[in-house]
C-alpha atoms as a PDB file:
ATOM      1  CA  MET A   1       0.070  -0.025  -0.176  1.00  0.00           C
ATOM      2  CA  LYS A   2       1.271   3.365  -0.806  1.00  0.00           C
ATOM      3  CA  SER A   3       1.751   5.714   2.129  1.00  0.00           C
ATOM      4  CA  LEU A   4       4.191   8.251   2.570  1.00  0.00           C
ATOM      5  CA  ASN A   5       4.261   9.283  -1.100  1.00  0.00           C
ATOM      6  CA  SER A   6       0.477   8.902  -1.773  1.00  0.00           C
ATOM      7  CA  LYS A   7      -0.939  11.114  -4.448  1.00  0.00           C
ATOM      8  CA  ILE A   8      -4.542  12.097  -3.432  1.00  0.00           C
ATOM      9  CA  PHE A   9      -7.214  13.476  -5.793  1.00  0.00           C
ATOM     10  CA  ALA A  10     -10.287  14.560  -3.067  1.00  0.00           C
ATOM     11  CA  TYR A  11     -13.428  16.555  -3.900  1.00  0.00           C
ATOM     12  CA  ASN A  12     -16.748  17.623  -2.383  1.00  0.00           C
ATOM     13  CA  CYS A  13     -20.269  17.509  -3.892  1.00  0.00           C
ATOM     14  CA  TYR A  14     -22.366  19.870  -2.263  1.00  0.00           C
ATOM     15  CA  HIS A  15     -22.107  23.944  -1.897  1.00  0.00           C
ATOM     16  CA  ASN A  16     -18.736  25.283  -2.051  1.00  0.00           C
ATOM     17  CA  ALA A  17     -17.581  22.360  -3.879  1.00  0.00           C
ATOM     18  CA  SER A  18     -13.944  22.040  -4.582  1.00  0.00           C
ATOM     19  CA  VAL A  19     -11.278  19.660  -5.424  1.00  0.00           C
ATOM     20  CA  CYS A  20      -8.078  19.251  -3.665  1.00  0.00           C
ATOM     21  CA  TYR A  21      -4.640  17.491  -4.903  1.00  0.00           C
ATOM     22  CA  LEU A  22      -2.551  16.351  -2.022  1.00  0.00           C
ATOM     23  CA  LYS A  23       1.001  14.792  -2.785  1.00  0.00           C
ATOM     24  CA  ASP A  24       3.512  13.425  -0.282  1.00  0.00           C
ATOM     25  CA  GLY A  25       1.494  15.022   2.163  1.00  0.00           C
ATOM     26  CA  ASN A  26       1.641  18.670   0.658  1.00  0.00           C
ATOM     27  CA  ILE A  27      -1.321  20.457  -0.825  1.00  0.00           C
ATOM     28  CA  GLU A  28      -0.373  21.223  -4.416  1.00  0.00           C
ATOM     29  CA  PHE A  29      -3.527  22.891  -5.296  1.00  0.00           C
ATOM     30  CA  HIS A  30      -6.949  23.580  -3.890  1.00  0.00           C
ATOM     31  CA  LEU A  31      -9.597  24.842  -6.502  1.00  0.00           C
ATOM     32  CA  GLU A  32     -13.077  25.718  -5.761  1.00  0.00           C
ATOM     33  CA  GLU A  33     -15.623  25.107  -8.274  1.00  0.00           C
ATOM     34  CA  GLU A  34     -17.092  28.715  -8.290  1.00  0.00           C
ATOM     35  CA  ARG A  35     -13.853  30.156  -9.269  1.00  0.00           C
ATOM     36  CA  VAL A  36     -13.870  28.808 -12.555  1.00  0.00           C
ATOM     37  CA  SER A  37     -17.969  28.281 -13.296  1.00  0.00           C
ATOM     38  CA  ARG A  38     -18.605  31.852 -11.615  1.00  0.00           C
ATOM     39  CA  TYR A  39     -21.737  30.539  -9.635  1.00  0.00           C
ATOM     40  CA  LYS A  40     -21.515  31.393  -6.053  1.00  0.00           C
ATOM     41  CA  PHE A  41     -21.542  28.216  -3.651  1.00  0.00           C
ATOM     42  CA  ASP A  42     -21.884  25.861  -6.763  1.00  0.00           C
ATOM     43  CA  HIS A  43     -22.185  22.463  -5.832  1.00  0.00           C
ATOM     44  CA  ARG A  44     -21.339  20.673  -8.845  1.00  0.00           C
ATOM     45  CA  PRO A  45     -17.166  20.496  -9.016  1.00  0.00           C
ATOM     46  CA  TYR A  46     -17.190  19.500 -12.728  1.00  0.00           C
ATOM     47  CA  MET A  47     -15.127  22.540 -14.279  1.00  0.00           C
ATOM     48  CA  ALA A  48     -12.886  22.235 -10.957  1.00  0.00           C
ATOM     49  CA  ILE A  49     -12.056  18.041 -11.809  1.00  0.00           C
ATOM     50  CA  ALA A  50     -11.886  18.922 -15.454  1.00  0.00           C
ATOM     51  CA  ASP A  51      -9.375  21.694 -14.630  1.00  0.00           C
ATOM     52  CA  SER A  52      -7.618  19.780 -11.997  1.00  0.00           C
ATOM     53  CA  LEU A  53      -6.852  16.853 -13.570  1.00  0.00           C
ATOM     54  CA  LYS A  54      -4.749  18.569 -16.301  1.00  0.00           C
ATOM     55  CA  ARG A  55      -2.427  19.526 -13.447  1.00  0.00           C
ATOM     56  CA  VAL A  56      -1.824  16.627 -11.200  1.00  0.00           C
ATOM     57  CA  ASP A  57       1.314  14.082 -11.533  1.00  0.00           C
ATOM     58  CA  GLY A  58      -0.387  10.763 -11.171  1.00  0.00           C
ATOM     59  CA  ILE A  59      -3.476   9.784  -8.513  1.00  0.00           C
ATOM     60  CA  ASP A  60      -3.132   6.827  -6.232  1.00  0.00           C
ATOM     61  CA  TYR A  61      -6.342   7.328  -4.612  1.00  0.00           C
ATOM     62  CA  VAL A  62      -9.807   9.349  -5.560  1.00  0.00           C
ATOM     63  CA  LEU A  63     -11.829  10.617  -2.203  1.00  0.00           C
ATOM     64  CA  HIS A  64     -15.075  12.178  -2.741  1.00  0.00           C
ATOM     65  CA  THR A  65     -18.190  12.973  -0.206  1.00  0.00           C
ATOM     66  CA  THR A  66     -21.466  15.030  -0.609  1.00  0.00           C
ATOM     67  CA  LEU A  67     -24.267  15.854   2.057  1.00  0.00           C
ATOM     68  CA  PRO A  68     -27.374  13.638   2.442  1.00  0.00           C
ATOM     69  CA  THR A  69     -29.465  16.609   2.260  1.00  0.00           C
ATOM     70  CA  GLU A  70     -28.318  18.040  -1.007  1.00  0.00           C
ATOM     71  CA  LYS A  71     -30.674  17.999  -4.064  1.00  0.00           C
ATOM     72  CA  GLU A  72     -29.549  15.539  -6.515  1.00  0.00           C
ATOM     73  CA  SER A  73     -26.541  14.643  -4.443  1.00  0.00           C
ATOM     74  CA  LYS A  74     -26.239  11.006  -5.485  1.00  0.00           C
ATOM     75  CA  LYS A  75     -26.526  11.968  -9.190  1.00  0.00           C
ATOM     76  CA  VAL A  76     -23.624  14.360  -8.794  1.00  0.00           C
ATOM     77  CA  LEU A  77     -21.762  12.156  -7.060  1.00  0.00           C
ATOM     78  CA  ASP A  78     -22.015   9.707  -9.699  1.00  0.00           C
ATOM     79  CA  PHE A  79     -21.330  11.875 -12.579  1.00  0.00           C
ATOM     80  CA  THR A  80     -18.214  13.449 -10.847  1.00  0.00           C
ATOM     81  CA  TYR A  81     -16.592   9.813 -10.318  1.00  0.00           C
ATOM     82  CA  GLU A  82     -17.445   9.180 -14.044  1.00  0.00           C
ATOM     83  CA  LEU A  83     -15.947  12.631 -15.026  1.00  0.00           C
ATOM     84  CA  THR A  84     -12.840  11.573 -13.229  1.00  0.00           C
ATOM     85  CA  ARG A  85     -12.584   8.422 -14.642  1.00  0.00           C
ATOM     86  CA  LYS A  86     -12.667   9.775 -17.954  1.00  0.00           C
ATOM     87  CA  LEU A  87     -10.553  12.533 -17.646  1.00  0.00           C
ATOM     88  CA  ASP A  88      -7.820  10.600 -15.471  1.00  0.00           C
ATOM     89  CA  ARG A  89      -4.819   9.514 -17.601  1.00  0.00           C
ATOM     90  CA  TYR A  90      -3.249   7.802 -14.609  1.00  0.00           C
ATOM     91  CA  THR A  91      -5.513   5.484 -12.866  1.00  0.00           C
ATOM     92  CA  ASP A  92      -8.869   3.880 -13.215  1.00  0.00           C
ATOM     93  CA  ARG A  93      -9.600   3.360  -9.443  1.00  0.00           C
ATOM     94  CA  LYS A  94     -12.574   3.602  -8.077  1.00  0.00           C
ATOM     95  CA  ALA A  95     -13.462   6.689  -5.949  1.00  0.00           C
ATOM     96  CA  ILE A  96     -13.879   5.760  -2.447  1.00  0.00           C
ATOM     97  CA  ASP A  97     -16.746   7.568  -0.703  1.00  0.00           C
ATOM     98  CA  PHE A  98     -16.831   9.431   2.871  1.00  0.00           C
ATOM     99  CA  SER A  99     -20.256  10.760   2.682  1.00  0.00           C
ATOM    100  CA  ASN A 100     -20.785   9.377   6.054  1.00  0.00           C
ATOM    101  CA  GLU A 101     -18.292  12.196   7.465  1.00  0.00           C
ATOM    102  CA  HIS A 102     -18.648  15.869   7.254  1.00  0.00           C
ATOM    103  CA  HIS A 103     -17.579  17.511  10.453  1.00  0.00           C
ATOM    104  CA  LEU A 104     -14.522  15.227  10.818  1.00  0.00           C
ATOM    105  CA  PHE A 105     -12.943  16.716   7.592  1.00  0.00           C
ATOM    106  CA  HIS A 106     -13.776  20.188   9.163  1.00  0.00           C
ATOM    107  CA  ALA A 107     -12.026  19.474  12.272  1.00  0.00           C
ATOM    108  CA  ALA A 108      -8.979  17.625  10.604  1.00  0.00           C
ATOM    109  CA  LEU A 109      -8.417  20.625   8.494  1.00  0.00           C
ATOM    110  CA  GLY A 110      -8.309  23.267  11.513  1.00  0.00           C
ATOM    111  CA  PHE A 111      -5.996  20.799  13.582  1.00  0.00           C
ATOM    112  CA  TYR A 112      -3.724  20.039  11.250  1.00  0.00           C
ATOM    113  CA  ASN A 113      -3.267  23.652   9.997  1.00  0.00           C
ATOM    114  CA  SER A 114      -3.323  24.822  13.681  1.00  0.00           C
ATOM    115  CA  GLY A 115       0.296  23.699  14.693  1.00  0.00           C
ATOM    116  CA  PHE A 116      -1.021  22.172  17.943  1.00  0.00           C
ATOM    117  CA  GLU A 117       0.377  19.113  18.918  1.00  0.00           C
ATOM    118  CA  ASP A 118      -3.039  18.201  20.330  1.00  0.00           C
ATOM    119  CA  ALA A 119      -6.108  19.844  20.588  1.00  0.00           C
ATOM    120  CA  VAL A 120      -9.783  20.007  20.925  1.00  0.00           C
ATOM    121  CA  CYS A 121     -11.607  20.973  17.858  1.00  0.00           C
ATOM    122  CA  ILE A 122     -15.411  22.246  17.996  1.00  0.00           C
ATOM    123  CA  SER A 123     -17.158  21.988  14.240  1.00  0.00           C
ATOM    124  CA  VAL A 124     -20.225  23.713  14.022  1.00  0.00           C
ATOM    125  CA  ASP A 125     -22.388  24.155  10.782  1.00  0.00           C
ATOM    126  CA  GLY A 126     -25.703  24.376   9.842  1.00  0.00           C
ATOM    127  CA  GLY A 127     -25.768  20.410   9.065  1.00  0.00           C
ATOM    128  CA  GLY A 128     -23.109  17.754   8.078  1.00  0.00           C
ATOM    129  CA  ALA A 129     -23.200  14.023   7.566  1.00  0.00           C
ATOM    130  CA  LEU A 130     -26.345  11.595   8.580  1.00  0.00           C
ATOM    131  CA  LEU A 131     -25.971   9.633  11.817  1.00  0.00           C
ATOM    132  CA  ASP A 132     -27.027   6.207  12.529  1.00  0.00           C
ATOM    133  CA  THR A 133     -29.790   8.071  14.450  1.00  0.00           C
ATOM    134  CA  GLY A 134     -31.214   9.145  11.020  1.00  0.00           C
ATOM    135  CA  LYS A 135     -30.712  12.680  12.041  1.00  0.00           C
ATOM    136  CA  VAL A 136     -27.935  15.011  10.785  1.00  0.00           C
ATOM    137  CA  GLU A 137     -25.018  16.357  12.844  1.00  0.00           C
ATOM    138  CA  VAL A 138     -25.016  19.655  13.704  1.00  0.00           C
ATOM    139  CA  GLU A 139     -22.357  20.236  16.614  1.00  0.00           C
ATOM    140  CA  THR A 140     -19.512  18.332  17.057  1.00  0.00           C
ATOM    141  CA  ILE A 141     -16.577  18.084  19.418  1.00  0.00           C
ATOM    142  CA  TYR A 142     -13.336  16.046  18.868  1.00  0.00           C
ATOM    143  CA  LYS A 143     -10.234  15.270  20.897  1.00  0.00           C
ATOM    144  CA  ALA A 144      -7.515  15.346  18.314  1.00  0.00           C
ATOM    145  CA  SER A 145      -3.813  14.236  18.340  1.00  0.00           C
ATOM    146  CA  TYR A 146      -1.311  12.972  15.884  1.00  0.00           C
ATOM    147  CA  PRO A 147      -1.375  11.162  13.533  1.00  0.00           C
ATOM    148  CA  CYS A 148      -5.193  10.400  13.155  1.00  0.00           C
ATOM    149  CA  ASN A 149      -6.783  10.416  16.670  1.00  0.00           C
ATOM    150  CA  PHE A 150      -9.932  12.112  16.686  1.00  0.00           C
ATOM    151  CA  GLU A 151     -12.216  10.977  19.696  1.00  0.00           C
ATOM    152  CA  LYS A 152     -15.573  12.398  19.577  1.00  0.00           C
ATOM    153  CA  VAL A 153     -16.516  14.089  22.749  1.00  0.00           C
ATOM    154  CA  TYR A 154     -19.901  15.691  22.165  1.00  0.00           C
ATOM    155  CA  GLN A 155     -22.171  15.848  19.588  1.00  0.00           C
ATOM    156  CA  LYS A 156     -25.612  17.192  18.648  1.00  0.00           C
ATOM    157  CA  ASP A 157     -28.044  16.060  16.029  1.00  0.00           C
ATOM    158  CA  ARG A 158     -30.903  18.249  16.050  1.00  0.00           C
ATOM    159  CA  LEU A 159     -31.915  22.199  15.743  1.00  0.00           C
ATOM    160  CA  GLY A 160     -28.326  23.583  16.303  1.00  0.00           C
ATOM    161  CA  ILE A 161     -27.003  27.162  16.528  1.00  0.00           C
ATOM    162  CA  GLY A 162     -25.707  27.408  12.849  1.00  0.00           C
ATOM    163  CA  PHE A 163     -28.995  26.376  11.378  1.00  0.00           C
ATOM    164  CA  VAL A 164     -30.593  29.092  13.710  1.00  0.00           C
ATOM    165  CA  TYR A 165     -28.439  31.639  12.292  1.00  0.00           C
ATOM    166  CA  ALA A 166     -29.010  30.226   8.965  1.00  0.00           C
ATOM    167  CA  GLY A 167     -32.635  30.049   9.465  1.00  0.00           C
ATOM    168  CA  VAL A 168     -32.819  33.655  10.538  1.00  0.00           C
ATOM    169  CA  SER A 169     -30.961  34.700   7.319  1.00  0.00           C
ATOM    170  CA  GLU A 170     -33.186  33.311   5.278  1.00  0.00           C
ATOM    171  CA  TYR A 171     -36.275  34.751   7.042  1.00  0.00           C
ATOM    172  CA  LEU A 172     -34.491  38.273   6.291  1.00  0.00           C
ATOM    173  CA  GLY A 173     -34.182  37.582   2.788  1.00  0.00           C
ATOM    174  CA  PHE A 174     -30.629  36.675   2.713  1.00  0.00           C
ATOM    175  CA  GLY A 175     -31.015  32.845   2.233  1.00  0.00           C
ATOM    176  CA  THR A 176     -29.194  30.149   4.453  1.00  0.00           C
ATOM    177  CA  LEU A 177     -25.865  30.568   2.673  1.00  0.00           C
ATOM    178  CA  GLU A 178     -25.502  34.207   3.043  1.00  0.00           C
ATOM    179  CA  CYS A 179     -25.141  34.340   6.695  1.00  0.00           C
ATOM    180  CA  GLY A 180     -22.414  37.277   6.526  1.00  0.00           C
ATOM    181  CA  LYS A 181     -24.999  39.392   5.543  1.00  0.00           C
ATOM    182  CA  THR A 182     -27.145  38.840   8.941  1.00  0.00           C
ATOM    183  CA  MET A 183     -23.717  39.576  10.670  1.00  0.00           C
ATOM    184  CA  GLY A 184     -23.281  42.901   9.021  1.00  0.00           C
ATOM    185  CA  LEU A 185     -27.101  43.958   9.691  1.00  0.00           C
ATOM    186  CA  ALA A 186     -26.769  42.959  13.499  1.00  0.00           C
ATOM    187  CA  ALA A 187     -24.389  46.006  13.827  1.00  0.00           C
ATOM    188  CA  TYR A 188     -27.221  48.362  13.044  1.00  0.00           C
ATOM    189  CA  GLY A 189     -29.535  46.558  15.527  1.00  0.00           C
ATOM    190  CA  LYS A 190     -30.249  46.663  19.191  1.00  0.00           C
ATOM    191  CA  ASP A 191     -31.618  44.884  22.238  1.00  0.00           C
ATOM    192  CA  ASP A 192     -35.239  44.774  21.548  1.00  0.00           C
ATOM    193  CA  PRO A 193     -37.917  43.473  24.086  1.00  0.00           C
ATOM    194  CA  ASN A 194     -40.192  42.610  21.370  1.00  0.00           C
ATOM    195  CA  ILE A 195     -37.546  40.199  19.922  1.00  0.00           C
ATOM    196  CA  LYS A 196     -37.741  36.993  21.574  1.00  0.00           C
ATOM    197  CA  PRO A 197     -34.141  35.073  22.720  1.00  0.00           C
ATOM    198  CA  PHE A 198     -33.345  32.410  20.531  1.00  0.00           C
ATOM    199  CA  VAL A 199     -31.226  30.893  23.538  1.00  0.00           C
ATOM    200  CA  VAL A 200     -32.387  30.461  26.799  1.00  0.00           C
ATOM    201  CA  ASP A 201     -30.253  29.203  29.900  1.00  0.00           C
ATOM    202  CA  GLY A 202     -27.769  28.063  27.259  1.00  0.00           C
ATOM    203  CA  LYS A 203     -30.340  25.999  25.284  1.00  0.00           C
ATOM    204  CA  ILE A 204     -31.923  26.593  22.103  1.00  0.00           C
ATOM    205  CA  ASP A 205     -35.568  27.589  22.473  1.00  0.00           C
ATOM    206  CA  GLU A 206     -37.225  25.292  19.806  1.00  0.00           C
ATOM    207  CA  THR A 207     -40.645  26.725  20.190  1.00  0.00           C
ATOM    208  CA  LEU A 208     -39.615  29.335  17.867  1.00  0.00           C
ATOM    209  CA  TRP A 209     -38.904  27.129  14.724  1.00  0.00           C
ATOM    210  CA  GLU A 210     -41.442  24.979  13.055  1.00  0.00           C
ATOM    211  CA  ARG A 211     -40.575  21.524  11.167  1.00  0.00           C
ATOM    212  CA  ASP A 212     -40.506  21.725   7.279  1.00  0.00           C
ATOM    213  CA  PRO A 213     -38.882  19.925   4.595  1.00  0.00           C
ATOM    214  CA  ASN A 214     -35.652  21.298   5.152  1.00  0.00           C
ATOM    215  CA  GLY A 215     -35.589  20.622   8.963  1.00  0.00           C
ATOM    216  CA  PHE A 216     -36.922  23.805  10.789  1.00  0.00           C
ATOM    217  CA  LYS A 217     -38.155  26.801   9.896  1.00  0.00           C
ATOM    218  CA  PHE A 218     -38.281  30.223  11.871  1.00  0.00           C
ATOM    219  CA  LYS A 219     -41.958  30.971  13.162  1.00  0.00           C
ATOM    220  CA  PRO A 220     -42.415  34.861  12.350  1.00  0.00           C
ATOM    221  CA  TYR A 221     -44.300  37.144  15.206  1.00  0.00           C
ATOM    222  CA  ASP A 222     -45.426  40.629  15.466  1.00  0.00           C
ATOM    223  CA  ASN A 223     -43.204  43.509  15.600  1.00  0.00           C
ATOM    224  CA  ILE A 224     -40.253  42.103  14.153  1.00  0.00           C
ATOM    225  CA  ASN A 225     -37.612  44.626  13.494  1.00  0.00           C
ATOM    226  CA  HIS A 226     -35.160  43.151  10.948  1.00  0.00           C
ATOM    227  CA  GLU A 227     -31.785  45.068  12.490  1.00  0.00           C
ATOM    228  CA  ASN A 228     -33.015  43.870  15.742  1.00  0.00           C
ATOM    229  CA  LEU A 229     -33.693  40.656  15.080  1.00  0.00           C
ATOM    230  CA  ALA A 230     -30.000  40.533  13.623  1.00  0.00           C
ATOM    231  CA  TRP A 231     -28.703  41.838  16.576  1.00  0.00           C
ATOM    232  CA  ARG A 232     -30.463  39.130  18.807  1.00  0.00           C
ATOM    233  CA  VAL A 233     -29.299  36.358  16.785  1.00  0.00           C
ATOM    234  CA  GLN A 234     -25.583  37.281  16.697  1.00  0.00           C
ATOM    235  CA  LYS A 235     -25.887  37.952  20.568  1.00  0.00           C
ATOM    236  CA  ASP A 236     -27.463  34.719  21.201  1.00  0.00           C
ATOM    237  CA  PHE A 237     -24.894  33.236  18.629  1.00  0.00           C
ATOM    238  CA  GLU A 238     -21.789  34.227  20.527  1.00  0.00           C
ATOM    239  CA  THR A 239     -23.558  33.201  23.918  1.00  0.00           C
ATOM    240  CA  TYR A 240     -23.874  29.789  22.647  1.00  0.00           C
ATOM    241  CA  MET A 241     -20.623  29.670  21.076  1.00  0.00           C
ATOM    242  CA  ILE A 242     -18.909  30.610  23.931  1.00  0.00           C
ATOM    243  CA  GLY A 243     -20.800  27.515  25.947  1.00  0.00           C
ATOM    244  CA  LEU A 244     -19.243  25.188  23.695  1.00  0.00           C
ATOM    245  CA  ILE A 245     -15.742  26.847  24.004  1.00  0.00           C
ATOM    246  CA  ASN A 246     -16.246  26.232  27.797  1.00  0.00           C
ATOM    247  CA  LYS A 247     -17.256  22.493  27.374  1.00  0.00           C
ATOM    248  CA  ALA A 248     -14.370  21.888  25.228  1.00  0.00           C
ATOM    249  CA  LEU A 249     -12.011  23.876  27.650  1.00  0.00           C
ATOM    250  CA  GLU A 250     -12.577  20.939  29.897  1.00  0.00           C
ATOM    251  CA  VAL A 251     -10.766  18.679  27.428  1.00  0.00           C
ATOM    252  CA  SER A 252      -7.780  20.954  26.434  1.00  0.00           C
ATOM    253  CA  ASN A 253      -6.777  24.763  26.133  1.00  0.00           C
ATOM    254  CA  ASN A 254      -6.199  24.257  22.833  1.00  0.00           C
ATOM    255  CA  ILE A 255      -9.092  25.246  20.842  1.00  0.00           C
ATOM    256  CA  VAL A 256      -9.702  24.596  16.755  1.00  0.00           C
ATOM    257  CA  ILE A 257     -12.795  26.042  15.560  1.00  0.00           C
ATOM    258  CA  SER A 258     -14.374  25.381  11.941  1.00  0.00           C
ATOM    259  CA  GLY A 259     -17.465  24.867  10.059  1.00  0.00           C
ATOM    260  CA  GLY A 260     -19.625  27.416   8.753  1.00  0.00           C
ATOM    261  CA  CYS A 261     -20.168  28.947  11.838  1.00  0.00           C
ATOM    262  CA  ALA A 262     -16.361  29.757  12.488  1.00  0.00           C
ATOM    263  CA  LEU A 263     -16.788  31.951   9.322  1.00  0.00           C
ATOM    264  CA  ASN A 264     -18.300  34.722  12.242  1.00  0.00           C
ATOM    265  CA  CYS A 265     -15.556  36.803  12.554  1.00  0.00           C
ATOM    266  CA  VAL A 266     -17.658  39.423  15.076  1.00  0.00           C
ATOM    267  CA  ALA A 267     -18.334  36.511  16.997  1.00  0.00           C
ATOM    268  CA  ASN A 268     -14.597  35.196  16.973  1.00  0.00           C
ATOM    269  CA  TYR A 269     -13.091  38.257  18.560  1.00  0.00           C
ATOM    270  CA  GLU A 270     -15.502  38.115  21.147  1.00  0.00           C
ATOM    271  CA  TYR A 271     -14.247  34.545  22.295  1.00  0.00           C
ATOM    272  CA  LEU A 272     -10.748  35.942  22.941  1.00  0.00           C
ATOM    273  CA  LYS A 273     -12.384  37.800  25.557  1.00  0.00           C
ATOM    274  CA  HIS A 274     -13.720  34.761  27.329  1.00  0.00           C
ATOM    275  CA  LEU A 275     -10.481  32.617  26.913  1.00  0.00           C
ATOM    276  CA  PRO A 276      -9.006  31.727  30.200  1.00  0.00           C
ATOM    277  CA  GLU A 277      -5.239  32.797  30.855  1.00  0.00           C
ATOM    278  CA  GLY A 278      -3.144  29.980  29.017  1.00  0.00           C
ATOM    279  CA  ALA A 279      -5.779  28.806  26.616  1.00  0.00           C
ATOM    280  CA  LYS A 280      -4.975  29.213  22.876  1.00  0.00           C
ATOM    281  CA  LEU A 281      -7.717  29.619  19.971  1.00  0.00           C
ATOM    282  CA  TYR A 282      -6.833  28.715  15.981  1.00  0.00           C
ATOM    283  CA  VAL A 283     -10.088  29.531  13.794  1.00  0.00           C
ATOM    284  CA  GLU A 284      -9.917  28.208  10.428  1.00  0.00           C
ATOM    285  CA  PRO A 285      -9.859  30.476   7.656  1.00  0.00           C
ATOM    286  CA  VAL A 286     -11.274  27.864   5.136  1.00  0.00           C
ATOM    287  CA  SER A 287     -14.199  26.986   7.282  1.00  0.00           C
ATOM    288  CA  THR A 288     -16.597  26.873   4.423  1.00  0.00           C
ATOM    289  CA  ASP A 289     -17.289  23.232   3.001  1.00  0.00           C
ATOM    290  CA  ALA A 290     -14.641  23.981   0.329  1.00  0.00           C
ATOM    291  CA  GLY A 291     -12.370  22.978   2.833  1.00  0.00           C
ATOM    292  CA  THR A 292     -13.725  19.445   3.317  1.00  0.00           C
ATOM    293  CA  SER A 293     -11.966  18.169   0.210  1.00  0.00           C
ATOM    294  CA  ILE A 294      -8.713  19.399   1.903  1.00  0.00           C
ATOM    295  CA  GLY A 295      -9.371  17.873   5.599  1.00  0.00           C
ATOM    296  CA  MET A 296     -10.597  14.515   4.067  1.00  0.00           C
ATOM    297  CA  ALA A 297      -7.607  14.458   1.945  1.00  0.00           C
ATOM    298  CA  MET A 298      -5.255  15.182   4.937  1.00  0.00           C
ATOM    299  CA  ILE A 299      -6.608  12.664   7.382  1.00  0.00           C
ATOM    300  CA  ILE A 300      -6.567   9.882   4.851  1.00  0.00           C
ATOM    301  CA  TRP A 301      -2.945  10.782   3.906  1.00  0.00           C
ATOM    302  CA  ARG A 302      -2.148  10.656   7.507  1.00  0.00           C
ATOM    303  CA  GLN A 303      -4.270   7.233   8.224  1.00  0.00           C
ATOM    304  CA  LEU A 304      -1.867   5.910   5.379  1.00  0.00           C
ATOM    305  CA  SER A 305       1.495   7.401   6.460  1.00  0.00           C
ATOM    306  CA  LYS A 306       0.989   7.363  10.095  1.00  0.00           C
ATOM    307  CA  SER A 307       3.086  10.958   9.961  1.00  0.00           C
ATOM    308  CA  MET A 308       3.897  13.138  12.970  1.00  0.00           C
ATOM    309  CA  ASP A 309       5.012  16.115  11.117  1.00  0.00           C
ATOM    310  CA  ILE A 310       3.415  19.119  12.272  1.00  0.00           C
ATOM    311  CA  ASN A 311       2.881  21.692   9.275  1.00  0.00           C
ATOM    312  CA  PRO A 312       0.780  24.827  10.587  1.00  0.00           C
ATOM    313  CA  ILE A 313      -0.669  26.614   7.658  1.00  0.00           C
ATOM    314  CA  LYS A 314       1.865  29.072   5.513  1.00  0.00           C
ATOM    315  CA  THR A 315      -0.407  30.917   3.114  1.00  0.00           C
ATOM    316  CA  LEU A 316      -4.090  30.887   1.753  1.00  0.00           C
ATOM    317  CA  TYR A 317      -2.976  31.148  -1.728  1.00  0.00           C
ATOM    318  CA  LEU A 318      -3.770  27.281  -2.307  1.00  0.00           C
ATOM    319  CA  GLY A 319      -5.222  27.605  -6.122  1.00  0.00           C
ATOM    320  CA  PRO A 320      -3.254  26.457  -9.064  1.00  0.00           C
ATOM    321  CA  GLU A 321      -2.090  29.001 -11.359  1.00  0.00           C
ATOM    322  CA  HIS A 322      -4.833  29.828 -13.915  1.00  0.00           C
ATOM    323  CA  GLU A 323      -5.500  31.968 -16.729  1.00  0.00           C
ATOM    324  CA  ILE A 324      -8.302  34.425 -15.928  1.00  0.00           C
ATOM    325  CA  LEU A 325     -11.624  33.199 -17.547  1.00  0.00           C
ATOM    326  CA  LEU A 326     -13.862  35.937 -19.226  1.00  0.00           C
END
């Protein structure tokens, strides 16, 4: 079995689809589909795969993953494998499907990039892989160490804070993937007695939500000011995430945050005010789902190589050289 010198080609097939090529444990390039298709949040990495396979220097393993909640996910997964098989001039091996993991890949990317020898990794987003319970992971905490030890110490599989934030963003008209706009709008709001808190005594108030085909939907009520609603969900998000950080601190003083909720930069600065002396915080910059292709490649390479090398992130310029598409 190839290990230390393995060449891994990995891609994810859901919003922020991307491709990663890992050679000898090093990222040769990482390419997000929207960079070449020009469709924001593009979930079908067709052009990225076609472009990337012109640049690879052999492939030993093809890895792919998707989300069970993504529309047409199985169809996209089948097509991407067929595209890879036809375009890859090096190997005809089948792709290994890792659709049963999602938060693990967020956590792995953050941990290996952090430079910590060991850490506790918090992965939080709107939703990840389908669990044995039949529900979807929304918050997961891992105890991580080298070369590839990720022990799950906490997990939630119901309405999570990421879905709450996304649901409010959708209600405000931004859509579930444009939570940054809600974060920006929050700066114009204030505490409003007419706006009900989303978090009460550290727990999400599920009475504000109703079931729908996508899981949960915010139930509107009278006298909702949009700016103040954004302020409320931002403050409650910070409070809830600080609670998760405190839970993680019971395991380690080295904290890694990844997943879509790590993109809330206003909250990330707030966390620093609540860390105890000696605690360290690393927030993964590639915390969109585009980062899962890198995390997947990284953890599989560690499983193969058993490498104990620590290589903290040095640059975010991970894309291949490419002519500008007009």
